[in-house]
Amino acid sequence: MIRVSTAQLQARAAERPPEYLQEITPALVRVRPDGVQEYDDQHPAWRAALRKYRPAARGLGDTVERALDATGIGPVAKRLITAVTGRPCGCAKRRDFLNGLVPYKQNGD
């Protein structure tokens, strides 16, 4: 289950074509009273939109993150670390560090 706030959804929609929101709508499970939308991340529409609109990997960190998410280890580890330590897991910092350490060449580089 993916929870997306209104601000996050607007930011994602601004980075993508107008049809993006229509494509993910079948995966919408519910809208909470606080405006947060919950999507089924296993729904075929969500997975198709993820493949279609996900930007290319910038470096090793993005590849590691995607591999861990694909195997299901990433989300479990994030929740476990946050629950045990009471702080965010720091995954984004590690991803950015690895991206800087081993960047991939982008088109035009």
C-alpha atoms as a PDB file:
ATOM      1  CA  MET A   1       0.000   0.000   0.000  1.00  0.00           C
ATOM      2  CA  ILE A   2       1.329   3.409  -0.964  1.00  0.00           C
ATOM      3  CA  ARG A   3       0.152   6.529   0.859  1.00  0.00           C
ATOM      4  CA  VAL A   4       0.422   9.792  -1.051  1.00  0.00           C
ATOM      5  CA  SER A   5      -0.438  13.213   0.354  1.00  0.00           C
ATOM      6  CA  THR A   6      -2.137  15.804  -1.807  1.00  0.00           C
ATOM      7  CA  ALA A   7       1.110  17.787  -2.063  1.00  0.00           C
ATOM      8  CA  GLN A   8       3.095  14.704  -3.089  1.00  0.00           C
ATOM      9  CA  LEU A   9       0.503  13.756  -5.691  1.00  0.00           C
ATOM     10  CA  GLN A  10       0.523  17.286  -7.138  1.00  0.00           C
ATOM     11  CA  ALA A  11       4.330  17.238  -7.325  1.00  0.00           C
ATOM     12  CA  ARG A  12       4.325  13.860  -9.090  1.00  0.00           C
ATOM     13  CA  ALA A  13       1.607  14.984 -11.492  1.00  0.00           C
ATOM     14  CA  ALA A  14       3.565  18.158 -12.321  1.00  0.00           C
ATOM     15  CA  GLU A  15       6.585  16.064 -13.351  1.00  0.00           C
ATOM     16  CA  ARG A  16       4.529  13.741 -15.569  1.00  0.00           C
ATOM     17  CA  PRO A  17       2.099  14.018 -18.492  1.00  0.00           C
ATOM     18  CA  PRO A  18      -1.586  14.845 -17.777  1.00  0.00           C
ATOM     19  CA  GLU A  19      -2.715  11.248 -18.375  1.00  0.00           C
ATOM     20  CA  TYR A  20      -0.624  10.024 -15.415  1.00  0.00           C
ATOM     21  CA  LEU A  21      -3.406  10.597 -12.870  1.00  0.00           C
ATOM     22  CA  GLN A  22      -5.933   8.803 -15.071  1.00  0.00           C
ATOM     23  CA  GLU A  23      -3.603   5.839 -15.434  1.00  0.00           C
ATOM     24  CA  ILE A  24      -3.121   5.329 -11.683  1.00  0.00           C
ATOM     25  CA  THR A  25      -6.781   5.890 -10.735  1.00  0.00           C
ATOM     26  CA  PRO A  26      -7.711   2.167 -11.005  1.00  0.00           C
ATOM     27  CA  ALA A  27      -5.169   1.452  -8.241  1.00  0.00           C
ATOM     28  CA  LEU A  28      -6.761   3.957  -5.825  1.00  0.00           C
ATOM     29  CA  VAL A  29      -8.016   2.091  -2.756  1.00  0.00           C
ATOM     30  CA  ARG A  30      -9.345   4.967  -0.658  1.00  0.00           C
ATOM     31  CA  VAL A  31      -8.982   8.617   0.252  1.00  0.00           C
ATOM     32  CA  ARG A  32      -8.504   9.172   3.968  1.00  0.00           C
ATOM     33  CA  PRO A  33     -10.246  12.057   5.786  1.00  0.00           C
ATOM     34  CA  ASP A  34      -6.926  13.940   5.960  1.00  0.00           C
ATOM     35  CA  GLY A  35      -6.744  13.883   2.136  1.00  0.00           C
ATOM     36  CA  VAL A  36      -4.055  11.204   1.925  1.00  0.00           C
ATOM     37  CA  GLN A  37      -4.721   8.806  -0.941  1.00  0.00           C
ATOM     38  CA  GLU A  38      -3.897   5.136  -0.600  1.00  0.00           C
ATOM     39  CA  TYR A  39      -2.932   3.154  -3.695  1.00  0.00           C
ATOM     40  CA  ASP A  40      -2.482  -0.585  -4.126  1.00  0.00           C
ATOM     41  CA  ASP A  41       1.159  -0.834  -5.238  1.00  0.00           C
ATOM     42  CA  GLN A  42       0.519  -4.384  -6.524  1.00  0.00           C
ATOM     43  CA  HIS A  43      -2.299  -3.293  -8.855  1.00  0.00           C
ATOM     44  CA  PRO A  44      -1.396  -3.711 -12.551  1.00  0.00           C
ATOM     45  CA  ALA A  45      -2.252  -0.067 -13.292  1.00  0.00           C
ATOM     46  CA  TRP A  46       0.118   1.190 -10.579  1.00  0.00           C
ATOM     47  CA  ARG A  47       2.943  -1.090 -11.685  1.00  0.00           C
ATOM     48  CA  ALA A  48       2.488  -0.102 -15.355  1.00  0.00           C
ATOM     49  CA  ALA A  49       2.588   3.611 -14.470  1.00  0.00           C
ATOM     50  CA  LEU A  50       5.686   3.048 -12.327  1.00  0.00           C
ATOM     51  CA  ARG A  51       7.523   1.396 -15.216  1.00  0.00           C
ATOM     52  CA  LYS A  52       6.336   4.010 -17.689  1.00  0.00           C
ATOM     53  CA  TYR A  53       7.100   7.164 -15.690  1.00  0.00           C
ATOM     54  CA  ARG A  54      10.008   6.229 -13.424  1.00  0.00           C
ATOM     55  CA  PRO A  55      13.095   8.238 -14.383  1.00  0.00           C
ATOM     56  CA  ALA A  56      16.240   6.425 -15.464  1.00  0.00           C
ATOM     57  CA  ALA A  57      18.598   5.324 -12.702  1.00  0.00           C
ATOM     58  CA  ARG A  58      21.176   8.035 -11.965  1.00  0.00           C
ATOM     59  CA  GLY A  59      23.684   5.695 -10.351  1.00  0.00           C
ATOM     60  CA  LEU A  60      24.368   2.642  -8.214  1.00  0.00           C
ATOM     61  CA  GLY A  61      22.180   3.928  -5.374  1.00  0.00           C
ATOM     62  CA  ASP A  62      19.066   3.988  -7.554  1.00  0.00           C
ATOM     63  CA  THR A  63      19.806   0.468  -8.791  1.00  0.00           C
ATOM     64  CA  VAL A  64      20.269  -0.891  -5.245  1.00  0.00           C
ATOM     65  CA  GLU A  65      17.085   0.832  -4.075  1.00  0.00           C
ATOM     66  CA  ARG A  66      15.065  -0.607  -6.972  1.00  0.00           C
ATOM     67  CA  ALA A  67      16.450  -4.097  -6.416  1.00  0.00           C
ATOM     68  CA  LEU A  68      15.600  -3.999  -2.707  1.00  0.00           C
ATOM     69  CA  ASP A  69      12.117  -2.641  -3.426  1.00  0.00           C
ATOM     70  CA  ALA A  70      11.508  -5.306  -6.083  1.00  0.00           C
ATOM     71  CA  THR A  71      12.410  -8.095  -3.673  1.00  0.00           C
ATOM     72  CA  GLY A  72      10.335  -6.582  -0.875  1.00  0.00           C
ATOM     73  CA  ILE A  73      13.323  -6.125   1.417  1.00  0.00           C
ATOM     74  CA  GLY A  74      13.469  -2.327   1.064  1.00  0.00           C
ATOM     75  CA  PRO A  75      10.031  -1.410   2.446  1.00  0.00           C
ATOM     76  CA  VAL A  76      10.330  -3.924   5.294  1.00  0.00           C
ATOM     77  CA  ALA A  77      13.773  -2.653   6.268  1.00  0.00           C
ATOM     78  CA  LYS A  78      12.595   0.980   6.220  1.00  0.00           C
ATOM     79  CA  ARG A  79       9.652   0.219   8.518  1.00  0.00           C
ATOM     80  CA  LEU A  80      11.738  -1.947  10.842  1.00  0.00           C
ATOM     81  CA  ILE A  81      14.556   0.595  11.221  1.00  0.00           C
ATOM     82  CA  THR A  82      12.084   3.414  11.835  1.00  0.00           C
ATOM     83  CA  ALA A  83      10.172   1.345  14.401  1.00  0.00           C
ATOM     84  CA  VAL A  84      13.308   0.268  16.285  1.00  0.00           C
ATOM     85  CA  THR A  85      15.215   3.552  16.254  1.00  0.00           C
ATOM     86  CA  GLY A  86      12.324   6.013  16.093  1.00  0.00           C
ATOM     87  CA  ARG A  87      14.170   7.885  13.326  1.00  0.00           C
ATOM     88  CA  PRO A  88      14.040   7.751   9.539  1.00  0.00           C
ATOM     89  CA  CYS A  89      16.166   4.989   8.028  1.00  0.00           C
ATOM     90  CA  GLY A  90      18.553   7.249   6.088  1.00  0.00           C
ATOM     91  CA  CYS A  91      17.989   5.297   2.877  1.00  0.00           C
ATOM     92  CA  ALA A  92      17.797   8.433   0.744  1.00  0.00           C
ATOM     93  CA  LYS A  93      21.181   9.585   2.075  1.00  0.00           C
ATOM     94  CA  ARG A  94      22.773   6.235   1.278  1.00  0.00           C
ATOM     95  CA  ARG A  95      21.157   6.179  -2.170  1.00  0.00           C
ATOM     96  CA  ASP A  96      22.488   9.668  -2.943  1.00  0.00           C
ATOM     97  CA  PHE A  97      25.956   8.737  -1.637  1.00  0.00           C
ATOM     98  CA  LEU A  98      26.096   5.638  -3.862  1.00  0.00           C
ATOM     99  CA  ASN A  99      24.790   7.635  -6.828  1.00  0.00           C
ATOM    100  CA  GLY A 100      27.646  10.097  -6.326  1.00  0.00           C
ATOM    101  CA  LEU A 101      30.179   7.313  -5.856  1.00  0.00           C
ATOM    102  CA  VAL A 102      29.153   5.367  -8.993  1.00  0.00           C
ATOM    103  CA  PRO A 103      27.148   7.662 -11.313  1.00  0.00           C
ATOM    104  CA  TYR A 104      25.764   6.354 -14.574  1.00  0.00           C
ATOM    105  CA  LYS A 105      26.323   8.201 -17.803  1.00  0.00           C
ATOM    106  CA  GLN A 106      23.178   9.970 -18.943  1.00  0.00           C
ATOM    107  CA  ASN A 107      22.326  10.777 -22.550  1.00  0.00           C
ATOM    108  CA  GLY A 108      24.497  13.689 -23.634  1.00  0.00           C
ATOM    109  CA  ASP A 109      27.226  13.079 -21.022  1.00  0.00           C
END
